[in-house]
Amino acid sequence: MFPCNRSLTSTMISALRVIRSNRVVVSGQLQRCLSTQTDGEVRIAKILREKFPSASSLKVVDISGGCGAMYEIHIESSEFKGKRTVQQHQLVNQALKDEIQGMHGLRIFTEIPKH
């Protein structure tokens, strides 16, 4: 065990404030507050936009704290019409088959537009 040094430099204190202000705990999970996306979120969203061009809503969130190990995807597309939930999720999994290889987990939420 390392000894605890109780005095922090002003630089360390500032860094801790930035880290704290950039994160928030929601439903027991650590999530980012800023609107910036990680590279993984951008990459996955691009793939899904190409695969589901009629998607009316798409949200990709790295729920692993930014390391890219686990993502949550919310996608609403008319392409899911007439398909059971498991089939909708299979379509998303198929679109991300290469990306999934490096993931620890994936949460998928699909919807059909109401209008």
C-alpha atoms as a PDB file:
ATOM      1  CA  MET A   1       0.000   0.000   0.000  1.00  0.00           C
ATOM      2  CA  PHE A   2       1.277   3.460  -0.883  1.00  0.00           C
ATOM      3  CA  PRO A   3       1.394   6.105   1.810  1.00  0.00           C
ATOM      4  CA  CYS A   4      -1.287   8.746   1.485  1.00  0.00           C
ATOM      5  CA  ASN A   5      -0.039  12.243   0.836  1.00  0.00           C
ATOM      6  CA  ARG A   6      -2.730  14.588   2.138  1.00  0.00           C
ATOM      7  CA  SER A   7      -1.490  17.737   0.438  1.00  0.00           C
ATOM      8  CA  LEU A   8      -2.461  18.271  -3.170  1.00  0.00           C
ATOM      9  CA  THR A   9      -0.926  20.791  -5.482  1.00  0.00           C
ATOM     10  CA  SER A  10      -3.166  23.410  -7.061  1.00  0.00           C
ATOM     11  CA  THR A  11      -2.687  21.708 -10.445  1.00  0.00           C
ATOM     12  CA  MET A  12      -3.936  18.393  -9.071  1.00  0.00           C
ATOM     13  CA  ILE A  13      -6.910  20.083  -7.431  1.00  0.00           C
ATOM     14  CA  SER A  14      -7.803  21.816 -10.706  1.00  0.00           C
ATOM     15  CA  ALA A  15      -7.530  18.532 -12.589  1.00  0.00           C
ATOM     16  CA  LEU A  16      -9.820  16.816 -10.088  1.00  0.00           C
ATOM     17  CA  ARG A  17     -12.394  19.595 -10.451  1.00  0.00           C
ATOM     18  CA  VAL A  18     -12.398  19.174 -14.229  1.00  0.00           C
ATOM     19  CA  ILE A  19     -12.794  15.421 -13.935  1.00  0.00           C
ATOM     20  CA  ARG A  20     -15.613  15.787 -11.412  1.00  0.00           C
ATOM     21  CA  SER A  21     -17.412  18.406 -13.472  1.00  0.00           C
ATOM     22  CA  ASN A  22     -17.168  16.290 -16.622  1.00  0.00           C
ATOM     23  CA  ARG A  23     -18.846  13.262 -15.072  1.00  0.00           C
ATOM     24  CA  VAL A  24     -22.139  12.583 -13.333  1.00  0.00           C
ATOM     25  CA  VAL A  25     -23.644   9.471 -11.779  1.00  0.00           C
ATOM     26  CA  VAL A  26     -27.046   8.596 -13.260  1.00  0.00           C
ATOM     27  CA  SER A  27     -28.881   5.487 -12.068  1.00  0.00           C
ATOM     28  CA  GLY A  28     -25.684   4.211 -10.496  1.00  0.00           C
ATOM     29  CA  GLN A  29     -23.626   4.647 -13.679  1.00  0.00           C
ATOM     30  CA  LEU A  30     -20.898   7.152 -14.423  1.00  0.00           C
ATOM     31  CA  GLN A  31     -21.706   9.225 -17.512  1.00  0.00           C
ATOM     32  CA  ARG A  32     -20.186  12.239 -19.268  1.00  0.00           C
ATOM     33  CA  CYS A  33     -21.921  15.608 -19.001  1.00  0.00           C
ATOM     34  CA  LEU A  34     -20.310  17.292 -21.984  1.00  0.00           C
ATOM     35  CA  SER A  35     -21.846  17.054 -25.430  1.00  0.00           C
ATOM     36  CA  THR A  36     -18.633  15.870 -27.079  1.00  0.00           C
ATOM     37  CA  GLN A  37     -18.646  12.356 -28.462  1.00  0.00           C
ATOM     38  CA  THR A  38     -15.882   9.791 -28.221  1.00  0.00           C
ATOM     39  CA  ASP A  39     -14.289   8.448 -31.402  1.00  0.00           C
ATOM     40  CA  GLY A  40     -16.109   5.158 -30.838  1.00  0.00           C
ATOM     41  CA  GLU A  41     -19.493   6.872 -30.532  1.00  0.00           C
ATOM     42  CA  VAL A  42     -18.876   8.795 -33.757  1.00  0.00           C
ATOM     43  CA  ARG A  43     -17.693   5.668 -35.608  1.00  0.00           C
ATOM     44  CA  ILE A  44     -20.672   3.561 -34.485  1.00  0.00           C
ATOM     45  CA  ALA A  45     -23.172   6.327 -35.270  1.00  0.00           C
ATOM     46  CA  LYS A  46     -21.694   6.699 -38.778  1.00  0.00           C
ATOM     47  CA  ILE A  47     -22.045   2.966 -39.435  1.00  0.00           C
ATOM     48  CA  LEU A  48     -25.633   2.941 -38.197  1.00  0.00           C
ATOM     49  CA  ARG A  49     -26.570   6.036 -40.240  1.00  0.00           C
ATOM     50  CA  GLU A  50     -25.238   4.290 -43.357  1.00  0.00           C
ATOM     51  CA  LYS A  51     -27.040   1.031 -42.574  1.00  0.00           C
ATOM     52  CA  PHE A  52     -30.310   2.684 -41.493  1.00  0.00           C
ATOM     53  CA  PRO A  53     -30.601   5.804 -43.680  1.00  0.00           C
ATOM     54  CA  SER A  54     -34.267   6.311 -42.755  1.00  0.00           C
ATOM     55  CA  ALA A  55     -33.526   6.411 -39.013  1.00  0.00           C
ATOM     56  CA  SER A  56     -35.455   9.308 -37.506  1.00  0.00           C
ATOM     57  CA  SER A  57     -33.508   9.160 -34.243  1.00  0.00           C
ATOM     58  CA  LEU A  58     -30.087   7.760 -33.330  1.00  0.00           C
ATOM     59  CA  LYS A  59     -28.133   8.043 -30.101  1.00  0.00           C
ATOM     60  CA  VAL A  60     -24.891   6.200 -29.315  1.00  0.00           C
ATOM     61  CA  VAL A  61     -23.405   6.493 -25.823  1.00  0.00           C
ATOM     62  CA  ASP A  62     -20.195   4.977 -24.477  1.00  0.00           C
ATOM     63  CA  ILE A  63     -21.371   3.710 -21.078  1.00  0.00           C
ATOM     64  CA  SER A  64     -17.969   2.334 -20.113  1.00  0.00           C
ATOM     65  CA  GLY A  65     -16.698   5.725 -19.017  1.00  0.00           C
ATOM     66  CA  GLY A  66     -15.110   6.547 -22.363  1.00  0.00           C
ATOM     67  CA  CYS A  67     -12.910   3.492 -22.879  1.00  0.00           C
ATOM     68  CA  GLY A  68     -15.079   1.968 -25.629  1.00  0.00           C
ATOM     69  CA  ALA A  69     -15.805  -1.335 -23.903  1.00  0.00           C
ATOM     70  CA  MET A  70     -19.594  -0.950 -23.722  1.00  0.00           C
ATOM     71  CA  TYR A  71     -22.125   1.103 -25.647  1.00  0.00           C
ATOM     72  CA  GLU A  72     -25.806   1.911 -25.441  1.00  0.00           C
ATOM     73  CA  ILE A  73     -27.648   2.489 -28.715  1.00  0.00           C
ATOM     74  CA  HIS A  74     -31.089   4.028 -29.166  1.00  0.00           C
ATOM     75  CA  ILE A  75     -32.330   3.918 -32.741  1.00  0.00           C
ATOM     76  CA  GLU A  76     -35.728   4.675 -34.229  1.00  0.00           C
ATOM     77  CA  SER A  77     -36.230   3.604 -37.837  1.00  0.00           C
ATOM     78  CA  SER A  78     -39.074   2.696 -40.154  1.00  0.00           C
ATOM     79  CA  GLU A  79     -36.849  -0.150 -41.371  1.00  0.00           C
ATOM     80  CA  PHE A  80     -37.849  -2.023 -38.202  1.00  0.00           C
ATOM     81  CA  LYS A  81     -41.540  -1.989 -39.143  1.00  0.00           C
ATOM     82  CA  GLY A  82     -43.051  -5.492 -39.209  1.00  0.00           C
ATOM     83  CA  LYS A  83     -40.068  -7.020 -37.380  1.00  0.00           C
ATOM     84  CA  ARG A  84     -40.044  -8.419 -33.862  1.00  0.00           C
ATOM     85  CA  THR A  85     -37.710  -6.798 -31.334  1.00  0.00           C
ATOM     86  CA  VAL A  86     -35.197  -9.637 -31.578  1.00  0.00           C
ATOM     87  CA  GLN A  87     -35.082  -9.218 -35.372  1.00  0.00           C
ATOM     88  CA  GLN A  88     -34.561  -5.463 -34.993  1.00  0.00           C
ATOM     89  CA  HIS A  89     -31.670  -6.085 -32.616  1.00  0.00           C
ATOM     90  CA  GLN A  90     -30.196  -8.669 -35.001  1.00  0.00           C
ATOM     91  CA  LEU A  91     -30.151  -6.025 -37.752  1.00  0.00           C
ATOM     92  CA  VAL A  92     -28.218  -3.643 -35.489  1.00  0.00           C
ATOM     93  CA  ASN A  93     -25.831  -6.418 -34.414  1.00  0.00           C
ATOM     94  CA  GLN A  94     -25.230  -7.366 -38.051  1.00  0.00           C
ATOM     95  CA  ALA A  95     -24.475  -3.748 -38.967  1.00  0.00           C
ATOM     96  CA  LEU A  96     -21.929  -3.567 -36.127  1.00  0.00           C
ATOM     97  CA  LYS A  97     -20.460  -7.067 -36.440  1.00  0.00           C
ATOM     98  CA  ASP A  98     -16.885  -5.802 -36.916  1.00  0.00           C
ATOM     99  CA  GLU A  99     -17.159  -3.230 -34.122  1.00  0.00           C
ATOM    100  CA  ILE A 100     -18.661  -5.720 -31.671  1.00  0.00           C
ATOM    101  CA  GLN A 101     -15.482  -7.820 -31.752  1.00  0.00           C
ATOM    102  CA  GLY A 102     -13.710  -5.267 -29.545  1.00  0.00           C
ATOM    103  CA  MET A 103     -16.607  -4.593 -27.176  1.00  0.00           C
ATOM    104  CA  HIS A 104     -17.390  -6.032 -23.788  1.00  0.00           C
ATOM    105  CA  GLY A 105     -21.117  -5.340 -24.082  1.00  0.00           C
ATOM    106  CA  LEU A 106     -23.828  -3.609 -26.057  1.00  0.00           C
ATOM    107  CA  ARG A 107     -27.290  -2.383 -25.050  1.00  0.00           C
ATOM    108  CA  ILE A 108     -29.704  -1.912 -27.926  1.00  0.00           C
ATOM    109  CA  PHE A 109     -33.029  -0.082 -27.812  1.00  0.00           C
ATOM    110  CA  THR A 110     -34.990  -0.015 -31.072  1.00  0.00           C
ATOM    111  CA  GLU A 111     -38.253   1.708 -31.942  1.00  0.00           C
ATOM    112  CA  ILE A 112     -40.527   2.180 -34.910  1.00  0.00           C
ATOM    113  CA  PRO A 113     -41.591   5.803 -35.575  1.00  0.00           C
ATOM    114  CA  LYS A 114     -45.102   6.459 -34.311  1.00  0.00           C
ATOM    115  CA  HIS A 115     -46.105   8.749 -37.205  1.00  0.00           C
END
